[in-house]
Amino acid sequence: MTMLYLIRHGCTDLTGMALIGRTAGIHLNDLGREQAQDLRTRLSGIPFSAIYSSPLERTMETAQPLASALGIGIRVREEISEIDFGTWTGRRFAELGNDPAWVFYNKFRSVAQIPEGEDFLSVQSRMVRCLESIRQEYPDGHIAAFSHADPIKTVIAHYTGFHIDAYSRFEIFTGSVSVVRIDAGGPSLVTLNHTGHLELVDHCRGAAH
């Protein structure tokens, strides 16, 4: 049995304001650092076999307190990074709301294409392929994967059979943990979007990014 802990990075000053994407140099803010420390407390009792992270600063900074507490090195995997948002990268959500291509993208993720970016199904493919390779390496392990909201949603959709166009029907908050168990009977979703702190819901939900 493998337990996959899918953890979204902590909050940044641009979370919920702009489509950060793979922009370098975006760090956790005070709330994000608090969330990272809280994750260390919440997860330090779990016998993790390995900790993986997207290469972006905000995920690495979120993973670091837990990795330090457990004495486990962080393994960086490009495959679990944020979506390549192409020409949309860095644009404000308020501005994107007037772009017909953005509106279409948010209704039909299964077929929409980001200008000069990657499509949602490709994101799902790289995420699942990576996690499955890790699962083969640790068939009886607990694995932490620090990633991003929409990539995590694609993984949950894959393992639950949820249609990818319905991605907006559940949330992945900053600092949240979603757990998928995979055993001989197949995958099952154990925990979705767990923060342990309901008061954080209105502080930094982040419009998925």
N, C-alpha and C. Protein backbone atom coordinates (compact mmCIF):
# COMPACT_ATOMS: atom_id res chain seq x y z
N MET A 1 0.84 -1.20 0.00
CA MET A 1 0.00 0.00 0.00
C MET A 1 0.88 1.25 0.00
N THR A 2 0.59 2.16 -0.89
CA THR A 2 1.29 3.45 -0.94
C THR A 2 0.33 4.56 -0.55
N MET A 3 0.82 5.46 0.27
CA MET A 3 0.04 6.64 0.66
C MET A 3 0.69 7.86 0.03
N LEU A 4 -0.06 8.54 -0.84
CA LEU A 4 0.43 9.75 -1.50
C LEU A 4 -0.17 10.98 -0.82
N TYR A 5 0.69 11.82 -0.27
CA TYR A 5 0.27 13.06 0.38
C TYR A 5 0.53 14.21 -0.60
N LEU A 6 -0.53 14.74 -1.16
CA LEU A 6 -0.44 15.81 -2.16
C LEU A 6 -0.64 17.15 -1.44
N ILE A 7 0.43 17.93 -1.37
CA ILE A 7 0.44 19.11 -0.52
C ILE A 7 0.64 20.37 -1.36
N ARG A 8 -0.29 21.29 -1.24
CA ARG A 8 -0.14 22.55 -1.95
C ARG A 8 0.76 23.48 -1.16
N HIS A 9 1.57 24.26 -1.86
CA HIS A 9 2.46 25.23 -1.24
C HIS A 9 1.68 26.26 -0.41
N GLY A 10 2.39 26.95 0.45
CA GLY A 10 1.78 28.00 1.25
C GLY A 10 1.49 29.26 0.46
N CYS A 11 0.86 30.19 1.13
CA CYS A 11 0.40 31.42 0.50
C CYS A 11 1.56 32.37 0.15
N THR A 12 1.38 33.13 -0.94
CA THR A 12 2.31 34.18 -1.34
C THR A 12 1.53 35.48 -1.48
N ASP A 13 2.23 36.57 -1.66
CA ASP A 13 1.56 37.86 -1.80
C ASP A 13 0.73 37.94 -3.08
N LEU A 14 1.05 37.10 -4.07
CA LEU A 14 0.33 37.14 -5.33
C LEU A 14 -0.72 36.05 -5.45
N THR A 15 -0.83 35.19 -4.45
CA THR A 15 -1.83 34.13 -4.49
C THR A 15 -3.22 34.72 -4.58
N GLY A 16 -3.97 34.28 -5.59
CA GLY A 16 -5.33 34.79 -5.78
C GLY A 16 -5.41 36.11 -6.50
N MET A 17 -4.26 36.74 -6.78
CA MET A 17 -4.24 38.03 -7.45
C MET A 17 -3.81 37.91 -8.91
N ALA A 18 -2.81 37.07 -9.14
CA ALA A 18 -2.25 36.94 -10.49
C ALA A 18 -1.93 35.49 -10.78
N LEU A 19 -1.83 35.19 -12.05
CA LEU A 19 -1.51 33.84 -12.50
C LEU A 19 0.02 33.69 -12.44
N ILE A 20 0.51 33.24 -11.31
CA ILE A 20 1.95 33.19 -11.05
C ILE A 20 2.64 32.21 -11.99
N GLY A 21 2.02 31.03 -12.14
CA GLY A 21 2.60 30.01 -12.99
C GLY A 21 4.00 29.61 -12.54
N ARG A 22 4.94 29.59 -13.49
CA ARG A 22 6.31 29.17 -13.19
C ARG A 22 7.26 30.36 -13.00
N THR A 23 6.69 31.52 -12.69
CA THR A 23 7.52 32.70 -12.45
C THR A 23 8.49 32.43 -11.31
N ALA A 24 9.75 32.71 -11.53
CA ALA A 24 10.77 32.51 -10.50
C ALA A 24 10.76 33.66 -9.50
N GLY A 25 11.25 33.39 -8.30
CA GLY A 25 11.41 34.44 -7.30
C GLY A 25 10.17 34.77 -6.51
N ILE A 26 9.15 33.92 -6.57
CA ILE A 26 7.94 34.14 -5.78
C ILE A 26 8.06 33.34 -4.49
N HIS A 27 8.13 34.05 -3.37
CA HIS A 27 8.38 33.39 -2.08
C HIS A 27 7.13 33.41 -1.20
N LEU A 28 7.13 32.58 -0.18
CA LEU A 28 6.03 32.56 0.78
C LEU A 28 5.97 33.89 1.52
N ASN A 29 4.75 34.32 1.85
CA ASN A 29 4.59 35.48 2.72
C ASN A 29 4.46 35.00 4.16
N ASP A 30 4.11 35.88 5.07
CA ASP A 30 4.03 35.50 6.48
C ASP A 30 3.05 34.35 6.71
N LEU A 31 1.88 34.44 6.08
CA LEU A 31 0.90 33.37 6.23
C LEU A 31 1.44 32.07 5.64
N GLY A 32 2.10 32.16 4.49
CA GLY A 32 2.64 30.97 3.87
C GLY A 32 3.69 30.30 4.74
N ARG A 33 4.55 31.10 5.37
CA ARG A 33 5.55 30.53 6.27
C ARG A 33 4.89 29.89 7.49
N GLU A 34 3.82 30.51 7.97
CA GLU A 34 3.05 29.92 9.08
C GLU A 34 2.46 28.58 8.64
N GLN A 35 1.93 28.53 7.43
CA GLN A 35 1.36 27.28 6.93
C GLN A 35 2.43 26.19 6.80
N ALA A 36 3.62 26.57 6.36
CA ALA A 36 4.70 25.59 6.22
C ALA A 36 5.10 25.02 7.59
N GLN A 37 5.16 25.88 8.60
CA GLN A 37 5.48 25.41 9.94
C GLN A 37 4.36 24.53 10.49
N ASP A 38 3.14 24.91 10.17
CA ASP A 38 2.00 24.12 10.63
C ASP A 38 2.00 22.73 9.98
N LEU A 39 2.37 22.67 8.71
CA LEU A 39 2.47 21.37 8.04
C LEU A 39 3.52 20.50 8.71
N ARG A 40 4.61 21.09 9.12
CA ARG A 40 5.64 20.33 9.84
C ARG A 40 5.04 19.69 11.09
N THR A 41 4.26 20.46 11.84
CA THR A 41 3.65 19.93 13.06
C THR A 41 2.63 18.85 12.74
N ARG A 42 1.80 19.10 11.74
CA ARG A 42 0.73 18.16 11.41
C ARG A 42 1.25 16.84 10.84
N LEU A 43 2.37 16.89 10.11
CA LEU A 43 2.82 15.72 9.36
C LEU A 43 4.08 15.06 9.91
N SER A 44 4.70 15.64 10.93
CA SER A 44 5.99 15.12 11.38
C SER A 44 5.90 13.73 12.00
N GLY A 45 4.71 13.30 12.39
CA GLY A 45 4.55 11.97 12.97
C GLY A 45 4.34 10.87 11.94
N ILE A 46 4.28 11.24 10.66
CA ILE A 46 4.06 10.24 9.60
C ILE A 46 5.40 9.72 9.12
N PRO A 47 5.55 8.41 8.98
CA PRO A 47 6.84 7.83 8.58
C PRO A 47 7.09 7.95 7.08
N PHE A 48 7.37 9.15 6.62
CA PHE A 48 7.58 9.37 5.19
C PHE A 48 8.83 8.65 4.69
N SER A 49 8.68 8.01 3.54
CA SER A 49 9.82 7.37 2.88
C SER A 49 10.60 8.39 2.07
N ALA A 50 9.91 9.40 1.55
CA ALA A 50 10.54 10.40 0.70
C ALA A 50 9.68 11.64 0.63
N ILE A 51 10.34 12.79 0.38
CA ILE A 51 9.65 14.05 0.19
C ILE A 51 10.06 14.60 -1.17
N TYR A 52 9.07 14.90 -2.00
CA TYR A 52 9.31 15.44 -3.33
C TYR A 52 8.71 16.84 -3.41
N SER A 53 9.29 17.65 -4.28
CA SER A 53 8.79 19.01 -4.45
C SER A 53 8.96 19.47 -5.89
N SER A 54 8.03 20.29 -6.30
CA SER A 54 8.20 21.12 -7.49
C SER A 54 9.44 21.98 -7.29
N PRO A 55 10.13 22.38 -8.36
CA PRO A 55 11.34 23.19 -8.20
C PRO A 55 11.11 24.65 -7.84
N LEU A 56 9.87 25.11 -7.84
CA LEU A 56 9.61 26.52 -7.58
C LEU A 56 9.83 26.87 -6.11
N GLU A 57 10.23 28.11 -5.88
CA GLU A 57 10.61 28.51 -4.52
C GLU A 57 9.50 28.30 -3.51
N ARG A 58 8.26 28.62 -3.89
CA ARG A 58 7.17 28.54 -2.92
C ARG A 58 6.90 27.12 -2.46
N THR A 59 7.12 26.13 -3.33
CA THR A 59 6.94 24.74 -2.90
C THR A 59 8.12 24.26 -2.07
N MET A 60 9.33 24.62 -2.50
CA MET A 60 10.52 24.21 -1.75
C MET A 60 10.49 24.79 -0.33
N GLU A 61 10.08 26.06 -0.22
CA GLU A 61 10.02 26.69 1.10
C GLU A 61 8.93 26.06 1.97
N THR A 62 7.87 25.57 1.35
CA THR A 62 6.81 24.90 2.11
C THR A 62 7.27 23.53 2.59
N ALA A 63 8.04 22.85 1.77
CA ALA A 63 8.50 21.50 2.12
C ALA A 63 9.63 21.50 3.14
N GLN A 64 10.42 22.57 3.19
CA GLN A 64 11.64 22.57 3.98
C GLN A 64 11.45 22.30 5.47
N PRO A 65 10.49 22.94 6.15
CA PRO A 65 10.35 22.67 7.58
C PRO A 65 10.06 21.20 7.90
N LEU A 66 9.22 20.56 7.11
CA LEU A 66 8.94 19.14 7.34
C LEU A 66 10.18 18.30 7.06
N ALA A 67 10.85 18.59 5.96
CA ALA A 67 12.06 17.83 5.61
C ALA A 67 13.11 17.97 6.70
N SER A 68 13.28 19.17 7.23
CA SER A 68 14.27 19.40 8.28
C SER A 68 13.90 18.65 9.56
N ALA A 69 12.60 18.68 9.90
CA ALA A 69 12.15 18.00 11.11
C ALA A 69 12.37 16.50 11.04
N LEU A 70 12.22 15.93 9.85
CA LEU A 70 12.34 14.49 9.66
C LEU A 70 13.74 14.05 9.25
N GLY A 71 14.59 15.02 8.93
CA GLY A 71 15.93 14.67 8.48
C GLY A 71 15.94 14.00 7.12
N ILE A 72 15.00 14.41 6.26
CA ILE A 72 14.88 13.83 4.92
C ILE A 72 15.18 14.92 3.89
N GLY A 73 15.99 14.59 2.90
CA GLY A 73 16.27 15.55 1.84
C GLY A 73 15.08 15.72 0.91
N ILE A 74 14.95 16.89 0.32
CA ILE A 74 13.89 17.16 -0.64
C ILE A 74 14.35 16.76 -2.03
N ARG A 75 13.57 15.93 -2.70
CA ARG A 75 13.89 15.52 -4.06
C ARG A 75 13.07 16.36 -5.03
N VAL A 76 13.73 17.10 -5.87
CA VAL A 76 13.05 18.00 -6.80
C VAL A 76 12.66 17.24 -8.06
N ARG A 77 11.39 17.39 -8.47
CA ARG A 77 10.91 16.77 -9.70
C ARG A 77 10.19 17.82 -10.54
N GLU A 78 10.69 18.06 -11.73
CA GLU A 78 10.08 19.01 -12.65
C GLU A 78 8.65 18.61 -13.00
N GLU A 79 8.39 17.31 -13.01
CA GLU A 79 7.08 16.81 -13.47
C GLU A 79 5.93 17.22 -12.57
N ILE A 80 6.22 17.58 -11.31
CA ILE A 80 5.13 17.98 -10.42
C ILE A 80 5.09 19.50 -10.23
N SER A 81 5.69 20.21 -11.16
CA SER A 81 5.69 21.67 -11.10
C SER A 81 4.34 22.24 -11.54
N GLU A 82 4.25 23.55 -11.45
CA GLU A 82 3.04 24.27 -11.85
C GLU A 82 2.82 24.15 -13.36
N ILE A 83 1.63 24.46 -13.78
CA ILE A 83 1.28 24.50 -15.20
C ILE A 83 2.11 25.58 -15.90
N ASP A 84 2.52 25.30 -17.12
CA ASP A 84 3.14 26.33 -17.96
C ASP A 84 2.01 27.14 -18.58
N PHE A 85 1.81 28.34 -18.07
CA PHE A 85 0.71 29.19 -18.51
C PHE A 85 1.05 30.06 -19.71
N GLY A 86 2.17 29.82 -20.33
CA GLY A 86 2.50 30.51 -21.57
C GLY A 86 2.37 32.01 -21.46
N THR A 87 1.68 32.62 -22.41
CA THR A 87 1.55 34.08 -22.46
C THR A 87 0.65 34.64 -21.35
N TRP A 88 -0.07 33.77 -20.65
CA TRP A 88 -0.90 34.23 -19.54
C TRP A 88 -0.09 34.44 -18.26
N THR A 89 1.11 33.92 -18.20
CA THR A 89 1.91 33.99 -16.98
C THR A 89 2.09 35.44 -16.53
N GLY A 90 1.79 35.67 -15.26
CA GLY A 90 1.96 36.99 -14.66
C GLY A 90 0.76 37.91 -14.79
N ARG A 91 -0.23 37.53 -15.57
CA ARG A 91 -1.40 38.40 -15.75
C ARG A 91 -2.32 38.34 -14.53
N ARG A 92 -2.95 39.44 -14.24
CA ARG A 92 -3.89 39.52 -13.12
C ARG A 92 -5.18 38.80 -13.48
N PHE A 93 -5.78 38.16 -12.48
CA PHE A 93 -7.04 37.46 -12.73
C PHE A 93 -8.14 38.42 -13.17
N ALA A 94 -8.12 39.64 -12.64
CA ALA A 94 -9.12 40.64 -13.03
C ALA A 94 -9.02 40.95 -14.51
N GLU A 95 -7.80 40.95 -15.04
CA GLU A 95 -7.59 41.19 -16.46
C GLU A 95 -7.97 39.97 -17.29
N LEU A 96 -7.61 38.79 -16.81
CA LEU A 96 -7.89 37.57 -17.55
C LEU A 96 -9.39 37.31 -17.68
N GLY A 97 -10.16 37.82 -16.72
CA GLY A 97 -11.59 37.58 -16.74
C GLY A 97 -12.28 38.12 -17.99
N ASN A 98 -11.62 39.04 -18.70
CA ASN A 98 -12.18 39.61 -19.93
C ASN A 98 -11.64 38.93 -21.19
N ASP A 99 -10.84 37.91 -21.02
CA ASP A 99 -10.24 37.21 -22.15
C ASP A 99 -11.10 35.99 -22.49
N PRO A 100 -11.71 35.95 -23.68
CA PRO A 100 -12.57 34.81 -24.04
C PRO A 100 -11.84 33.47 -23.99
N ALA A 101 -10.55 33.46 -24.30
CA ALA A 101 -9.78 32.22 -24.25
C ALA A 101 -9.65 31.71 -22.82
N TRP A 102 -9.51 32.63 -21.88
CA TRP A 102 -9.44 32.25 -20.47
C TRP A 102 -10.78 31.71 -19.98
N VAL A 103 -11.85 32.34 -20.39
CA VAL A 103 -13.20 31.87 -20.01
C VAL A 103 -13.43 30.47 -20.56
N PHE A 104 -13.06 30.24 -21.81
CA PHE A 104 -13.22 28.92 -22.43
C PHE A 104 -12.36 27.89 -21.70
N TYR A 105 -11.14 28.27 -21.37
CA TYR A 105 -10.23 27.37 -20.66
C TYR A 105 -10.82 26.90 -19.34
N ASN A 106 -11.49 27.78 -18.64
CA ASN A 106 -12.04 27.43 -17.34
C ASN A 106 -13.36 26.67 -17.43
N LYS A 107 -13.92 26.59 -18.61
CA LYS A 107 -15.13 25.76 -18.81
C LYS A 107 -14.79 24.39 -19.37
N PHE A 108 -13.77 24.33 -20.21
CA PHE A 108 -13.46 23.10 -20.93
C PHE A 108 -11.96 22.81 -20.86
N ARG A 109 -11.49 22.49 -19.67
CA ARG A 109 -10.06 22.22 -19.50
C ARG A 109 -9.59 21.02 -20.33
N SER A 110 -10.49 20.11 -20.62
CA SER A 110 -10.10 18.90 -21.34
C SER A 110 -9.70 19.16 -22.78
N VAL A 111 -10.14 20.26 -23.36
CA VAL A 111 -9.84 20.53 -24.77
C VAL A 111 -9.18 21.88 -25.01
N ALA A 112 -9.25 22.78 -24.04
CA ALA A 112 -8.70 24.13 -24.23
C ALA A 112 -7.17 24.10 -24.24
N GLN A 113 -6.59 25.05 -24.96
CA GLN A 113 -5.14 25.17 -25.05
C GLN A 113 -4.71 26.54 -24.54
N ILE A 114 -3.74 26.57 -23.66
CA ILE A 114 -3.17 27.82 -23.19
C ILE A 114 -2.26 28.39 -24.29
N PRO A 115 -2.39 29.66 -24.63
CA PRO A 115 -1.50 30.24 -25.64
C PRO A 115 -0.03 30.06 -25.27
N GLU A 116 0.68 29.30 -26.09
CA GLU A 116 2.10 29.02 -25.89
C GLU A 116 2.37 28.29 -24.58
N GLY A 117 1.34 27.64 -24.04
CA GLY A 117 1.50 26.90 -22.79
C GLY A 117 1.15 25.43 -22.98
N GLU A 118 0.86 24.76 -21.86
CA GLU A 118 0.53 23.35 -21.94
C GLU A 118 -0.94 23.12 -21.63
N ASP A 119 -1.49 22.03 -22.14
CA ASP A 119 -2.90 21.75 -21.90
C ASP A 119 -3.07 20.93 -20.62
N PHE A 120 -4.27 20.93 -20.10
CA PHE A 120 -4.57 20.33 -18.80
C PHE A 120 -4.33 18.82 -18.79
N LEU A 121 -4.66 18.15 -19.89
CA LEU A 121 -4.46 16.71 -19.96
C LEU A 121 -2.98 16.36 -19.94
N SER A 122 -2.15 17.21 -20.52
CA SER A 122 -0.71 16.98 -20.46
C SER A 122 -0.20 17.13 -19.04
N VAL A 123 -0.76 18.09 -18.32
CA VAL A 123 -0.40 18.27 -16.92
C VAL A 123 -0.75 17.01 -16.13
N GLN A 124 -1.96 16.52 -16.34
CA GLN A 124 -2.39 15.30 -15.65
C GLN A 124 -1.47 14.13 -15.99
N SER A 125 -1.11 14.00 -17.24
CA SER A 125 -0.27 12.89 -17.68
C SER A 125 1.09 12.93 -17.00
N ARG A 126 1.74 14.10 -16.97
CA ARG A 126 3.07 14.17 -16.37
C ARG A 126 3.02 13.98 -14.85
N MET A 127 1.96 14.51 -14.22
CA MET A 127 1.82 14.34 -12.78
C MET A 127 1.64 12.88 -12.40
N VAL A 128 0.69 12.22 -13.06
CA VAL A 128 0.39 10.83 -12.72
C VAL A 128 1.56 9.92 -13.07
N ARG A 129 2.18 10.16 -14.20
CA ARG A 129 3.33 9.35 -14.60
C ARG A 129 4.45 9.45 -13.57
N CYS A 130 4.70 10.64 -13.08
CA CYS A 130 5.72 10.84 -12.06
C CYS A 130 5.36 10.13 -10.76
N LEU A 131 4.14 10.32 -10.29
CA LEU A 131 3.73 9.72 -9.02
C LEU A 131 3.68 8.20 -9.11
N GLU A 132 3.31 7.69 -10.26
CA GLU A 132 3.31 6.23 -10.43
C GLU A 132 4.73 5.68 -10.41
N SER A 133 5.68 6.41 -10.98
CA SER A 133 7.07 5.94 -10.93
C SER A 133 7.59 5.96 -9.50
N ILE A 134 7.20 6.98 -8.74
CA ILE A 134 7.59 7.05 -7.33
C ILE A 134 6.94 5.91 -6.55
N ARG A 135 5.68 5.65 -6.86
CA ARG A 135 4.96 4.57 -6.17
C ARG A 135 5.62 3.22 -6.41
N GLN A 136 6.13 3.00 -7.61
CA GLN A 136 6.83 1.75 -7.90
C GLN A 136 8.11 1.65 -7.08
N GLU A 137 8.74 2.78 -6.82
CA GLU A 137 9.96 2.79 -6.02
C GLU A 137 9.67 2.54 -4.54
N TYR A 138 8.50 3.02 -4.08
CA TYR A 138 8.11 2.86 -2.68
C TYR A 138 6.72 2.22 -2.60
N PRO A 139 6.61 0.93 -2.91
CA PRO A 139 5.28 0.29 -2.98
C PRO A 139 4.56 0.22 -1.64
N ASP A 140 5.30 0.39 -0.55
CA ASP A 140 4.67 0.35 0.79
C ASP A 140 5.03 1.60 1.58
N GLY A 141 5.23 2.71 0.88
CA GLY A 141 5.71 3.91 1.55
C GLY A 141 4.68 5.01 1.67
N HIS A 142 5.04 5.98 2.50
CA HIS A 142 4.30 7.23 2.62
C HIS A 142 5.12 8.29 1.87
N ILE A 143 4.52 8.91 0.88
CA ILE A 143 5.22 9.84 0.00
C ILE A 143 4.58 11.22 0.09
N ALA A 144 5.40 12.24 0.35
CA ALA A 144 4.93 13.62 0.34
C ALA A 144 5.32 14.27 -0.97
N ALA A 145 4.36 14.88 -1.64
CA ALA A 145 4.62 15.57 -2.91
C ALA A 145 4.10 17.00 -2.80
N PHE A 146 5.00 17.98 -2.73
CA PHE A 146 4.63 19.39 -2.61
C PHE A 146 4.49 19.97 -4.01
N SER A 147 3.28 20.41 -4.34
CA SER A 147 3.00 20.84 -5.71
C SER A 147 2.07 22.05 -5.70
N HIS A 148 1.17 22.13 -6.65
CA HIS A 148 0.35 23.31 -6.91
C HIS A 148 -1.10 22.89 -7.10
N ALA A 149 -2.00 23.85 -6.97
CA ALA A 149 -3.43 23.53 -6.89
C ALA A 149 -3.95 22.73 -8.07
N ASP A 150 -3.83 23.28 -9.28
CA ASP A 150 -4.41 22.59 -10.43
C ASP A 150 -3.71 21.28 -10.76
N PRO A 151 -2.38 21.20 -10.70
CA PRO A 151 -1.75 19.89 -10.88
C PRO A 151 -2.24 18.85 -9.88
N ILE A 152 -2.42 19.26 -8.62
CA ILE A 152 -2.96 18.33 -7.63
C ILE A 152 -4.38 17.91 -8.00
N LYS A 153 -5.17 18.86 -8.50
CA LYS A 153 -6.53 18.51 -8.92
C LYS A 153 -6.54 17.47 -10.03
N THR A 154 -5.59 17.57 -10.95
CA THR A 154 -5.55 16.59 -12.04
C THR A 154 -5.26 15.19 -11.51
N VAL A 155 -4.42 15.11 -10.48
CA VAL A 155 -4.09 13.81 -9.88
C VAL A 155 -5.32 13.21 -9.20
N ILE A 156 -6.01 14.05 -8.44
CA ILE A 156 -7.20 13.57 -7.74
C ILE A 156 -8.26 13.13 -8.75
N ALA A 157 -8.41 13.90 -9.83
CA ALA A 157 -9.36 13.52 -10.87
C ALA A 157 -9.01 12.16 -11.46
N HIS A 158 -7.72 11.93 -11.69
CA HIS A 158 -7.30 10.65 -12.26
C HIS A 158 -7.62 9.49 -11.33
N TYR A 159 -7.26 9.60 -10.08
CA TYR A 159 -7.41 8.47 -9.17
C TYR A 159 -8.84 8.24 -8.70
N THR A 160 -9.69 9.25 -8.82
CA THR A 160 -11.09 9.09 -8.41
C THR A 160 -12.03 8.89 -9.59
N GLY A 161 -11.54 9.07 -10.82
CA GLY A 161 -12.40 8.96 -11.99
C GLY A 161 -13.26 10.18 -12.20
N PHE A 162 -12.88 11.30 -11.59
CA PHE A 162 -13.62 12.55 -11.70
C PHE A 162 -13.30 13.20 -13.05
N HIS A 163 -14.32 13.67 -13.76
CA HIS A 163 -14.08 14.26 -15.07
C HIS A 163 -13.28 15.54 -14.91
N ILE A 164 -12.29 15.70 -15.74
CA ILE A 164 -11.35 16.81 -15.59
C ILE A 164 -12.01 18.17 -15.81
N ASP A 165 -13.10 18.23 -16.57
CA ASP A 165 -13.79 19.51 -16.77
C ASP A 165 -14.55 19.95 -15.52
N ALA A 166 -14.68 19.05 -14.55
CA ALA A 166 -15.37 19.39 -13.30
C ALA A 166 -14.38 19.75 -12.20
N TYR A 167 -13.18 20.14 -12.60
CA TYR A 167 -12.11 20.44 -11.65
C TYR A 167 -12.51 21.50 -10.63
N SER A 168 -13.39 22.43 -11.02
CA SER A 168 -13.73 23.56 -10.15
C SER A 168 -14.73 23.18 -9.06
N ARG A 169 -15.17 21.93 -9.02
CA ARG A 169 -16.16 21.53 -8.03
C ARG A 169 -15.54 21.16 -6.68
N PHE A 170 -14.23 21.20 -6.58
CA PHE A 170 -13.60 21.05 -5.28
C PHE A 170 -12.39 21.98 -5.22
N GLU A 171 -11.99 22.32 -4.00
CA GLU A 171 -10.92 23.30 -3.78
C GLU A 171 -9.65 22.63 -3.30
N ILE A 172 -8.52 23.25 -3.60
CA ILE A 172 -7.24 22.88 -3.03
C ILE A 172 -6.63 24.18 -2.48
N PHE A 173 -6.77 24.40 -1.19
CA PHE A 173 -6.30 25.63 -0.57
C PHE A 173 -4.78 25.59 -0.37
N THR A 174 -4.19 26.76 -0.20
CA THR A 174 -2.78 26.81 0.15
C THR A 174 -2.56 26.10 1.49
N GLY A 175 -1.47 25.35 1.58
CA GLY A 175 -1.15 24.63 2.81
C GLY A 175 -2.02 23.42 3.09
N SER A 176 -2.79 23.01 2.08
CA SER A 176 -3.69 21.86 2.30
C SER A 176 -3.02 20.54 1.96
N VAL A 177 -3.56 19.47 2.53
CA VAL A 177 -3.08 18.12 2.29
C VAL A 177 -4.24 17.27 1.78
N SER A 178 -4.01 16.60 0.66
CA SER A 178 -4.97 15.63 0.13
C SER A 178 -4.23 14.30 0.05
N VAL A 179 -4.88 13.22 0.49
CA VAL A 179 -4.21 11.93 0.59
C VAL A 179 -4.92 10.90 -0.27
N VAL A 180 -4.13 10.21 -1.09
CA VAL A 180 -4.63 9.10 -1.90
C VAL A 180 -3.94 7.82 -1.44
N ARG A 181 -4.73 6.81 -1.13
CA ARG A 181 -4.19 5.50 -0.79
C ARG A 181 -4.32 4.59 -2.00
N ILE A 182 -3.25 3.87 -2.34
CA ILE A 182 -3.28 2.93 -3.45
C ILE A 182 -2.84 1.57 -2.95
N ASP A 183 -3.74 0.60 -3.01
CA ASP A 183 -3.40 -0.75 -2.57
C ASP A 183 -3.89 -1.76 -3.60
N ALA A 184 -3.95 -3.01 -3.23
CA ALA A 184 -4.34 -4.06 -4.18
C ALA A 184 -5.75 -3.85 -4.71
N GLY A 185 -6.57 -3.15 -3.96
CA GLY A 185 -7.94 -2.89 -4.40
C GLY A 185 -8.08 -1.68 -5.28
N GLY A 186 -6.96 -0.96 -5.51
CA GLY A 186 -6.99 0.24 -6.34
C GLY A 186 -6.84 1.49 -5.51
N PRO A 187 -7.00 2.66 -6.13
CA PRO A 187 -6.84 3.93 -5.42
C PRO A 187 -8.11 4.36 -4.70
N SER A 188 -7.92 5.09 -3.61
CA SER A 188 -9.06 5.69 -2.92
C SER A 188 -8.61 7.01 -2.30
N LEU A 189 -9.51 7.98 -2.33
CA LEU A 189 -9.23 9.29 -1.77
C LEU A 189 -9.54 9.27 -0.28
N VAL A 190 -8.52 9.47 0.54
CA VAL A 190 -8.67 9.39 1.99
C VAL A 190 -9.01 10.75 2.59
N THR A 191 -8.31 11.79 2.11
CA THR A 191 -8.50 13.14 2.63
C THR A 191 -8.39 14.13 1.48
N LEU A 192 -9.29 15.11 1.46
CA LEU A 192 -9.27 16.13 0.41
C LEU A 192 -9.17 17.51 1.02
N ASN A 193 -8.15 18.27 0.60
CA ASN A 193 -8.04 19.69 0.95
C ASN A 193 -8.05 19.92 2.47
N HIS A 194 -7.35 19.09 3.20
CA HIS A 194 -7.33 19.22 4.65
C HIS A 194 -6.34 20.29 5.08
N THR A 195 -6.80 21.27 5.83
CA THR A 195 -5.92 22.30 6.36
C THR A 195 -5.79 22.21 7.87
N GLY A 196 -6.79 21.64 8.52
CA GLY A 196 -6.76 21.57 9.97
C GLY A 196 -7.16 22.87 10.63
N HIS A 197 -7.41 23.90 9.82
CA HIS A 197 -7.74 25.21 10.36
C HIS A 197 -8.81 25.85 9.49
N LEU A 198 -10.04 25.77 9.91
CA LEU A 198 -11.13 26.31 9.09
C LEU A 198 -11.04 27.82 8.96
N GLU A 199 -10.37 28.47 9.91
CA GLU A 199 -10.29 29.94 9.82
C GLU A 199 -9.43 30.38 8.65
N LEU A 200 -8.60 29.50 8.08
CA LEU A 200 -7.77 29.87 6.94
C LEU A 200 -8.54 29.91 5.63
N VAL A 201 -9.74 29.34 5.63
CA VAL A 201 -10.49 29.22 4.39
C VAL A 201 -10.69 30.58 3.72
N ASP A 202 -11.00 31.60 4.46
CA ASP A 202 -11.29 32.91 3.89
C ASP A 202 -10.05 33.80 3.78
N HIS A 203 -8.92 33.33 4.26
CA HIS A 203 -7.72 34.18 4.26
C HIS A 203 -6.90 34.05 2.97
N CYS A 204 -6.75 32.83 2.50
CA CYS A 204 -5.84 32.67 1.37
C CYS A 204 -6.22 31.47 0.51
N ARG A 205 -7.42 31.48 0.00
CA ARG A 205 -7.86 30.38 -0.85
C ARG A 205 -7.15 30.44 -2.19
N GLY A 206 -7.02 31.60 -2.75
CA GLY A 206 -6.12 31.81 -3.86
C GLY A 206 -6.64 31.50 -5.25
N ALA A 207 -7.92 31.40 -5.47
CA ALA A 207 -8.45 31.20 -6.82
C ALA A 207 -7.63 30.15 -7.58
N ALA A 208 -7.21 29.12 -6.86
CA ALA A 208 -6.48 27.96 -7.40
C ALA A 208 -5.02 28.23 -7.66
N HIS A 209 -4.53 29.45 -7.60
CA HIS A 209 -3.13 29.69 -7.87
C HIS A 209 -2.51 30.59 -6.80
